[in-house]
Amino acid sequence: MEPYDSPAEAAFRAEARTWLTANAPPHSLPPIAPSAIVAEWDAEREQVEFERAVAWQRTKFDAGWAGVA
């Protein structure tokens, strides 16, 4: 059985994929639990990663793709 998208849903999905392709940062960390990665960070690395996460949230928010709920 094939999933069904309405034309509006298909357009939304295409728009989201296009935006992500153009804006999403590439994955540079191995696919392991985030808590395992953070446990190995020193304070400086933690600050850098925090700032990167905040910037990514701002990028999504500014484009209308995210918000605080």
PDB file of N, CA and C in Angstrom:
ATOM      1  N   MET A   1       0.843  -1.174   0.000  1.00  0.00           N
ATOM      2  CA  MET A   1       0.000   0.000   0.000  1.00  0.00           C
ATOM      3  C   MET A   1       0.894   1.245   0.000  1.00  0.00           C
ATOM      4  N   GLU A   2       0.626   2.144  -0.866  1.00  0.00           N
ATOM      5  CA  GLU A   2       1.384   3.388  -0.978  1.00  0.00           C
ATOM      6  C   GLU A   2       0.767   4.454  -0.080  1.00  0.00           C
ATOM      7  N   PRO A   3       1.611   5.226   0.618  1.00  0.00           N
ATOM      8  CA  PRO A   3       1.039   6.335   1.396  1.00  0.00           C
ATOM      9  C   PRO A   3       0.455   7.389   0.455  1.00  0.00           C
ATOM     10  N   TYR A   4      -0.545   8.073   0.927  1.00  0.00           N
ATOM     11  CA  TYR A   4      -1.197   9.099   0.118  1.00  0.00           C
ATOM     12  C   TYR A   4      -0.895  10.468   0.682  1.00  0.00           C
ATOM     13  N   ASP A   5      -0.413  11.327  -0.172  1.00  0.00           N
ATOM     14  CA  ASP A   5      -0.231  12.733   0.173  1.00  0.00           C
ATOM     15  C   ASP A   5      -1.227  13.551  -0.627  1.00  0.00           C
ATOM     16  N   SER A   6      -1.825  14.497   0.027  1.00  0.00           N
ATOM     17  CA  SER A   6      -2.629  15.453  -0.722  1.00  0.00           C
ATOM     18  C   SER A   6      -1.638  16.331  -1.493  1.00  0.00           C
ATOM     19  N   PRO A   7      -2.084  17.058  -2.488  1.00  0.00           N
ATOM     20  CA  PRO A   7      -1.174  17.965  -3.176  1.00  0.00           C
ATOM     21  C   PRO A   7      -0.500  18.954  -2.221  1.00  0.00           C
ATOM     22  N   ALA A   8      -1.229  19.438  -1.232  1.00  0.00           N
ATOM     23  CA  ALA A   8      -0.637  20.374  -0.272  1.00  0.00           C
ATOM     24  C   ALA A   8       0.437  19.696   0.570  1.00  0.00           C
ATOM     25  N   GLU A   9       0.182  18.453   0.990  1.00  0.00           N
ATOM     26  CA  GLU A   9       1.184  17.717   1.777  1.00  0.00           C
ATOM     27  C   GLU A   9       2.431  17.417   0.950  1.00  0.00           C
ATOM     28  N   ALA A  10       2.235  17.031  -0.284  1.00  0.00           N
ATOM     29  CA  ALA A  10       3.373  16.757  -1.165  1.00  0.00           C
ATOM     30  C   ALA A  10       4.195  18.013  -1.400  1.00  0.00           C
ATOM     31  N   ALA A  11       3.533  19.143  -1.570  1.00  0.00           N
ATOM     32  CA  ALA A  11       4.239  20.416  -1.776  1.00  0.00           C
ATOM     33  C   ALA A  11       5.012  20.801  -0.516  1.00  0.00           C
ATOM     34  N   PHE A  12       4.392  20.605   0.651  1.00  0.00           N
ATOM     35  CA  PHE A  12       5.066  20.905   1.912  1.00  0.00           C
ATOM     36  C   PHE A  12       6.306  20.031   2.071  1.00  0.00           C
ATOM     37  N   ARG A  13       6.165  18.733   1.806  1.00  0.00           N
ATOM     38  CA  ARG A  13       7.289  17.814   1.920  1.00  0.00           C
ATOM     39  C   ARG A  13       8.419  18.216   0.972  1.00  0.00           C
ATOM     40  N   ALA A  14       8.094  18.576  -0.242  1.00  0.00           N
ATOM     41  CA  ALA A  14       9.118  18.996  -1.208  1.00  0.00           C
ATOM     42  C   ALA A  14       9.809  20.278  -0.758  1.00  0.00           C
ATOM     43  N   GLU A  15       9.026  21.223  -0.247  1.00  0.00           N
ATOM     44  CA  GLU A  15       9.607  22.478   0.231  1.00  0.00           C
ATOM     45  C   GLU A  15      10.544  22.234   1.419  1.00  0.00           C
ATOM     46  N   ALA A  16      10.110  21.371   2.340  1.00  0.00           N
ATOM     47  CA  ALA A  16      10.939  21.063   3.508  1.00  0.00           C
ATOM     48  C   ALA A  16      12.237  20.378   3.087  1.00  0.00           C
ATOM     49  N   ARG A  17      12.159  19.422   2.193  1.00  0.00           N
ATOM     50  CA  ARG A  17      13.372  18.726   1.736  1.00  0.00           C
ATOM     51  C   ARG A  17      14.328  19.677   1.025  1.00  0.00           C
ATOM     52  N   THR A  18      13.794  20.546   0.207  1.00  0.00           N
ATOM     53  CA  THR A  18      14.633  21.519  -0.498  1.00  0.00           C
ATOM     54  C   THR A  18      15.333  22.434   0.495  1.00  0.00           C
ATOM     55  N   TRP A  19      14.591  22.908   1.491  1.00  0.00           N
ATOM     56  CA  TRP A  19      15.186  23.793   2.486  1.00  0.00           C
ATOM     57  C   TRP A  19      16.262  23.066   3.294  1.00  0.00           C
ATOM     58  N   LEU A  20      15.963  21.847   3.714  1.00  0.00           N
ATOM     59  CA  LEU A  20      16.948  21.081   4.483  1.00  0.00           C
ATOM     60  C   LEU A  20      18.214  20.815   3.675  1.00  0.00           C
ATOM     61  N   THR A  21      18.065  20.477   2.421  1.00  0.00           N
ATOM     62  CA  THR A  21      19.230  20.239   1.567  1.00  0.00           C
ATOM     63  C   THR A  21      20.107  21.480   1.484  1.00  0.00           C
ATOM     64  N   ALA A  22      19.488  22.635   1.406  1.00  0.00           N
ATOM     65  CA  ALA A  22      20.238  23.887   1.278  1.00  0.00           C
ATOM     66  C   ALA A  22      20.781  24.408   2.604  1.00  0.00           C
ATOM     67  N   ASN A  23      20.170  24.025   3.728  1.00  0.00           N
ATOM     68  CA  ASN A  23      20.507  24.669   4.997  1.00  0.00           C
ATOM     69  C   ASN A  23      20.999  23.768   6.121  1.00  0.00           C
ATOM     70  N   ALA A  24      20.688  22.499   6.074  1.00  0.00           N
ATOM     71  CA  ALA A  24      21.044  21.623   7.192  1.00  0.00           C
ATOM     72  C   ALA A  24      22.541  21.348   7.203  1.00  0.00           C
ATOM     73  N   PRO A  25      23.165  21.500   8.375  1.00  0.00           N
ATOM     74  CA  PRO A  25      24.589  21.197   8.455  1.00  0.00           C
ATOM     75  C   PRO A  25      24.815  19.697   8.287  1.00  0.00           C
ATOM     76  N   PRO A  26      25.926  19.312   7.686  1.00  0.00           N
ATOM     77  CA  PRO A  26      26.193  17.877   7.529  1.00  0.00           C
ATOM     78  C   PRO A  26      26.483  17.228   8.888  1.00  0.00           C
ATOM     79  N   HIS A  27      26.152  15.973   8.992  1.00  0.00           N
ATOM     80  CA  HIS A  27      26.448  15.234  10.221  1.00  0.00           C
ATOM     81  C   HIS A  27      27.937  14.957  10.278  1.00  0.00           C
ATOM     82  N   SER A  28      28.554  15.302  11.405  1.00  0.00           N
ATOM     83  CA  SER A  28      29.987  15.054  11.546  1.00  0.00           C
ATOM     84  C   SER A  28      30.289  14.144  12.726  1.00  0.00           C
ATOM     85  N   LEU A  29      29.280  13.805  13.489  1.00  0.00           N
ATOM     86  CA  LEU A  29      29.480  12.945  14.642  1.00  0.00           C
ATOM     87  C   LEU A  29      28.936  11.552  14.343  1.00  0.00           C
ATOM     88  N   PRO A  30      29.521  10.522  14.952  1.00  0.00           N
ATOM     89  CA  PRO A  30      29.008   9.170  14.727  1.00  0.00           C
ATOM     90  C   PRO A  30      27.615   9.016  15.329  1.00  0.00           C
ATOM     91  N   PRO A  31      26.811   8.112  14.785  1.00  0.00           N
ATOM     92  CA  PRO A  31      25.444   7.939  15.286  1.00  0.00           C
ATOM     93  C   PRO A  31      25.431   7.167  16.605  1.00  0.00           C
ATOM     94  N   ILE A  32      25.748   7.852  17.697  1.00  0.00           N
ATOM     95  CA  ILE A  32      25.673   7.263  19.030  1.00  0.00           C
ATOM     96  C   ILE A  32      24.832   8.180  19.907  1.00  0.00           C
ATOM     97  N   ALA A  33      24.529   7.714  21.088  1.00  0.00           N
ATOM     98  CA  ALA A  33      23.683   8.495  21.992  1.00  0.00           C
ATOM     99  C   ALA A  33      24.310   9.857  22.270  1.00  0.00           C
ATOM    100  N   PRO A  34      23.537  10.947  22.157  1.00  0.00           N
ATOM    101  CA  PRO A  34      24.081  12.282  22.448  1.00  0.00           C
ATOM    102  C   PRO A  34      24.733  12.383  23.813  1.00  0.00           C
ATOM    103  N   SER A  35      24.198  11.683  24.802  1.00  0.00           N
ATOM    104  CA  SER A  35      24.782  11.754  26.143  1.00  0.00           C
ATOM    105  C   SER A  35      26.191  11.183  26.163  1.00  0.00           C
ATOM    106  N   ALA A  36      26.478  10.210  25.320  1.00  0.00           N
ATOM    107  CA  ALA A  36      27.827   9.637  25.260  1.00  0.00           C
ATOM    108  C   ALA A  36      28.804  10.640  24.657  1.00  0.00           C
ATOM    109  N   ILE A  37      28.361  11.416  23.697  1.00  0.00           N
ATOM    110  CA  ILE A  37      29.216  12.418  23.077  1.00  0.00           C
ATOM    111  C   ILE A  37      29.500  13.541  24.072  1.00  0.00           C
ATOM    112  N   VAL A  38      28.473  14.059  24.693  1.00  0.00           N
ATOM    113  CA  VAL A  38      28.609  15.180  25.623  1.00  0.00           C
ATOM    114  C   VAL A  38      29.509  14.809  26.795  1.00  0.00           C
ATOM    115  N   ALA A  39      29.441  13.588  27.251  1.00  0.00           N
ATOM    116  CA  ALA A  39      30.255  13.161  28.395  1.00  0.00           C
ATOM    117  C   ALA A  39      31.744  13.300  28.114  1.00  0.00           C
ATOM    118  N   GLU A  40      32.142  13.261  26.854  1.00  0.00           N
ATOM    119  CA  GLU A  40      33.552  13.355  26.492  1.00  0.00           C
ATOM    120  C   GLU A  40      34.004  14.781  26.199  1.00  0.00           C
ATOM    121  N   TRP A  41      33.107  15.752  26.176  1.00  0.00           N
ATOM    122  CA  TRP A  41      33.460  17.126  25.852  1.00  0.00           C
ATOM    123  C   TRP A  41      34.035  17.845  27.061  1.00  0.00           C
ATOM    124  N   ASP A  42      35.025  18.701  26.790  1.00  0.00           N
ATOM    125  CA  ASP A  42      35.479  19.602  27.843  1.00  0.00           C
ATOM    126  C   ASP A  42      34.604  20.858  27.785  1.00  0.00           C
ATOM    127  N   ALA A  43      34.805  21.779  28.718  1.00  0.00           N
ATOM    128  CA  ALA A  43      33.952  22.967  28.800  1.00  0.00           C
ATOM    129  C   ALA A  43      33.992  23.799  27.520  1.00  0.00           C
ATOM    130  N   GLU A  44      35.165  23.924  26.920  1.00  0.00           N
ATOM    131  CA  GLU A  44      35.286  24.714  25.689  1.00  0.00           C
ATOM    132  C   GLU A  44      34.505  24.072  24.548  1.00  0.00           C
ATOM    133  N   ARG A  45      34.631  22.771  24.386  1.00  0.00           N
ATOM    134  CA  ARG A  45      33.897  22.073  23.323  1.00  0.00           C
ATOM    135  C   ARG A  45      32.398  22.161  23.563  1.00  0.00           C
ATOM    136  N   GLU A  46      31.992  22.036  24.809  1.00  0.00           N
ATOM    137  CA  GLU A  46      30.570  22.134  25.126  1.00  0.00           C
ATOM    138  C   GLU A  46      30.026  23.500  24.735  1.00  0.00           C
ATOM    139  N   GLN A  47      30.775  24.564  24.989  1.00  0.00           N
ATOM    140  CA  GLN A  47      30.341  25.911  24.626  1.00  0.00           C
ATOM    141  C   GLN A  47      30.229  26.063  23.114  1.00  0.00           C
ATOM    142  N   VAL A  48      31.213  25.544  22.383  1.00  0.00           N
ATOM    143  CA  VAL A  48      31.197  25.607  20.920  1.00  0.00           C
ATOM    144  C   VAL A  48      29.967  24.878  20.373  1.00  0.00           C
ATOM    145  N   GLU A  49      29.712  23.687  20.876  1.00  0.00           N
ATOM    146  CA  GLU A  49      28.569  22.904  20.395  1.00  0.00           C
ATOM    147  C   GLU A  49      27.248  23.555  20.777  1.00  0.00           C
ATOM    148  N   PHE A  50      27.184  24.153  21.962  1.00  0.00           N
ATOM    149  CA  PHE A  50      25.983  24.870  22.379  1.00  0.00           C
ATOM    150  C   PHE A  50      25.699  26.030  21.431  1.00  0.00           C
ATOM    151  N   GLU A  51      26.732  26.801  21.124  1.00  0.00           N
ATOM    152  CA  GLU A  51      26.563  27.936  20.209  1.00  0.00           C
ATOM    153  C   GLU A  51      26.142  27.468  18.816  1.00  0.00           C
ATOM    154  N   ARG A  52      26.687  26.345  18.383  1.00  0.00           N
ATOM    155  CA  ARG A  52      26.294  25.803  17.081  1.00  0.00           C
ATOM    156  C   ARG A  52      24.819  25.384  17.095  1.00  0.00           C
ATOM    157  N   ALA A  53      24.377  24.768  18.193  1.00  0.00           N
ATOM    158  CA  ALA A  53      22.980  24.355  18.310  1.00  0.00           C
ATOM    159  C   ALA A  53      22.047  25.557  18.332  1.00  0.00           C
ATOM    160  N   VAL A  54      22.428  26.595  19.048  1.00  0.00           N
ATOM    161  CA  VAL A  54      21.612  27.818  19.097  1.00  0.00           C
ATOM    162  C   VAL A  54      21.518  28.444  17.704  1.00  0.00           C
ATOM    163  N   ALA A  55      22.636  28.481  16.986  1.00  0.00           N
ATOM    164  CA  ALA A  55      22.632  29.048  15.629  1.00  0.00           C
ATOM    165  C   ALA A  55      21.721  28.242  14.705  1.00  0.00           C
ATOM    166  N   TRP A  56      21.746  26.918  14.835  1.00  0.00           N
ATOM    167  CA  TRP A  56      20.892  26.068  13.994  1.00  0.00           C
ATOM    168  C   TRP A  56      19.419  26.310  14.327  1.00  0.00           C
ATOM    169  N   GLN A  57      19.090  26.425  15.613  1.00  0.00           N
ATOM    170  CA  GLN A  57      17.717  26.731  15.990  1.00  0.00           C
ATOM    171  C   GLN A  57      17.288  28.092  15.438  1.00  0.00           C
ATOM    172  N   ARG A  58      18.161  29.086  15.471  1.00  0.00           N
ATOM    173  CA  ARG A  58      17.867  30.415  14.944  1.00  0.00           C
ATOM    174  C   ARG A  58      17.640  30.340  13.434  1.00  0.00           C
ATOM    175  N   THR A  59      18.475  29.577  12.740  1.00  0.00           N
ATOM    176  CA  THR A  59      18.319  29.419  11.288  1.00  0.00           C
ATOM    177  C   THR A  59      16.943  28.850  10.959  1.00  0.00           C
ATOM    178  N   LYS A  60      16.541  27.799  11.667  1.00  0.00           N
ATOM    179  CA  LYS A  60      15.229  27.196  11.431  1.00  0.00           C
ATOM    180  C   LYS A  60      14.109  28.171  11.775  1.00  0.00           C
ATOM    181  N   PHE A  61      14.234  28.855  12.902  1.00  0.00           N
ATOM    182  CA  PHE A  61      13.203  29.805  13.326  1.00  0.00           C
ATOM    183  C   PHE A  61      13.052  30.936  12.319  1.00  0.00           C
ATOM    184  N   ASP A  62      14.185  31.518  11.899  1.00  0.00           N
ATOM    185  CA  ASP A  62      14.143  32.642  10.962  1.00  0.00           C
ATOM    186  C   ASP A  62      13.486  32.261   9.642  1.00  0.00           C
ATOM    187  N   ALA A  63      13.609  30.986   9.262  1.00  0.00           N
ATOM    188  CA  ALA A  63      13.013  30.528   8.010  1.00  0.00           C
ATOM    189  C   ALA A  63      11.562  30.058   8.188  1.00  0.00           C
ATOM    190  N   GLY A  64      11.077  30.078   9.434  1.00  0.00           N
ATOM    191  CA  GLY A  64       9.711  29.667   9.689  1.00  0.00           C
ATOM    192  C   GLY A  64       9.541  28.175   9.885  1.00  0.00           C
ATOM    193  N   TRP A  65      10.618  27.453  10.134  1.00  0.00           N
ATOM    194  CA  TRP A  65      10.551  25.999  10.285  1.00  0.00           C
ATOM    195  C   TRP A  65      10.582  25.533  11.725  1.00  0.00           C
ATOM    196  N   ALA A  66      10.750  26.419  12.671  1.00  0.00           N
ATOM    197  CA  ALA A  66      10.798  25.989  14.069  1.00  0.00           C
ATOM    198  C   ALA A  66      10.334  27.117  14.966  1.00  0.00           C
ATOM    199  N   GLY A  67       9.984  26.753  16.167  1.00  0.00           N
ATOM    200  CA  GLY A  67       9.593  27.758  17.145  1.00  0.00           C
ATOM    201  C   GLY A  67       9.442  27.119  18.510  1.00  0.00           C
ATOM    202  N   VAL A  68       9.477  27.920  19.507  1.00  0.00           N
ATOM    203  CA  VAL A  68       9.309  27.426  20.867  1.00  0.00           C
ATOM    204  C   VAL A  68       7.834  27.125  21.092  1.00  0.00           C
ATOM    205  N   ALA A  69       7.561  25.967  21.638  1.00  0.00           N
ATOM    206  CA  ALA A  69       6.177  25.566  21.900  1.00  0.00           C
ATOM    207  C   ALA A  69       5.995  25.283  23.370  1.00  0.00           C
TER     208      ALA A  69
END
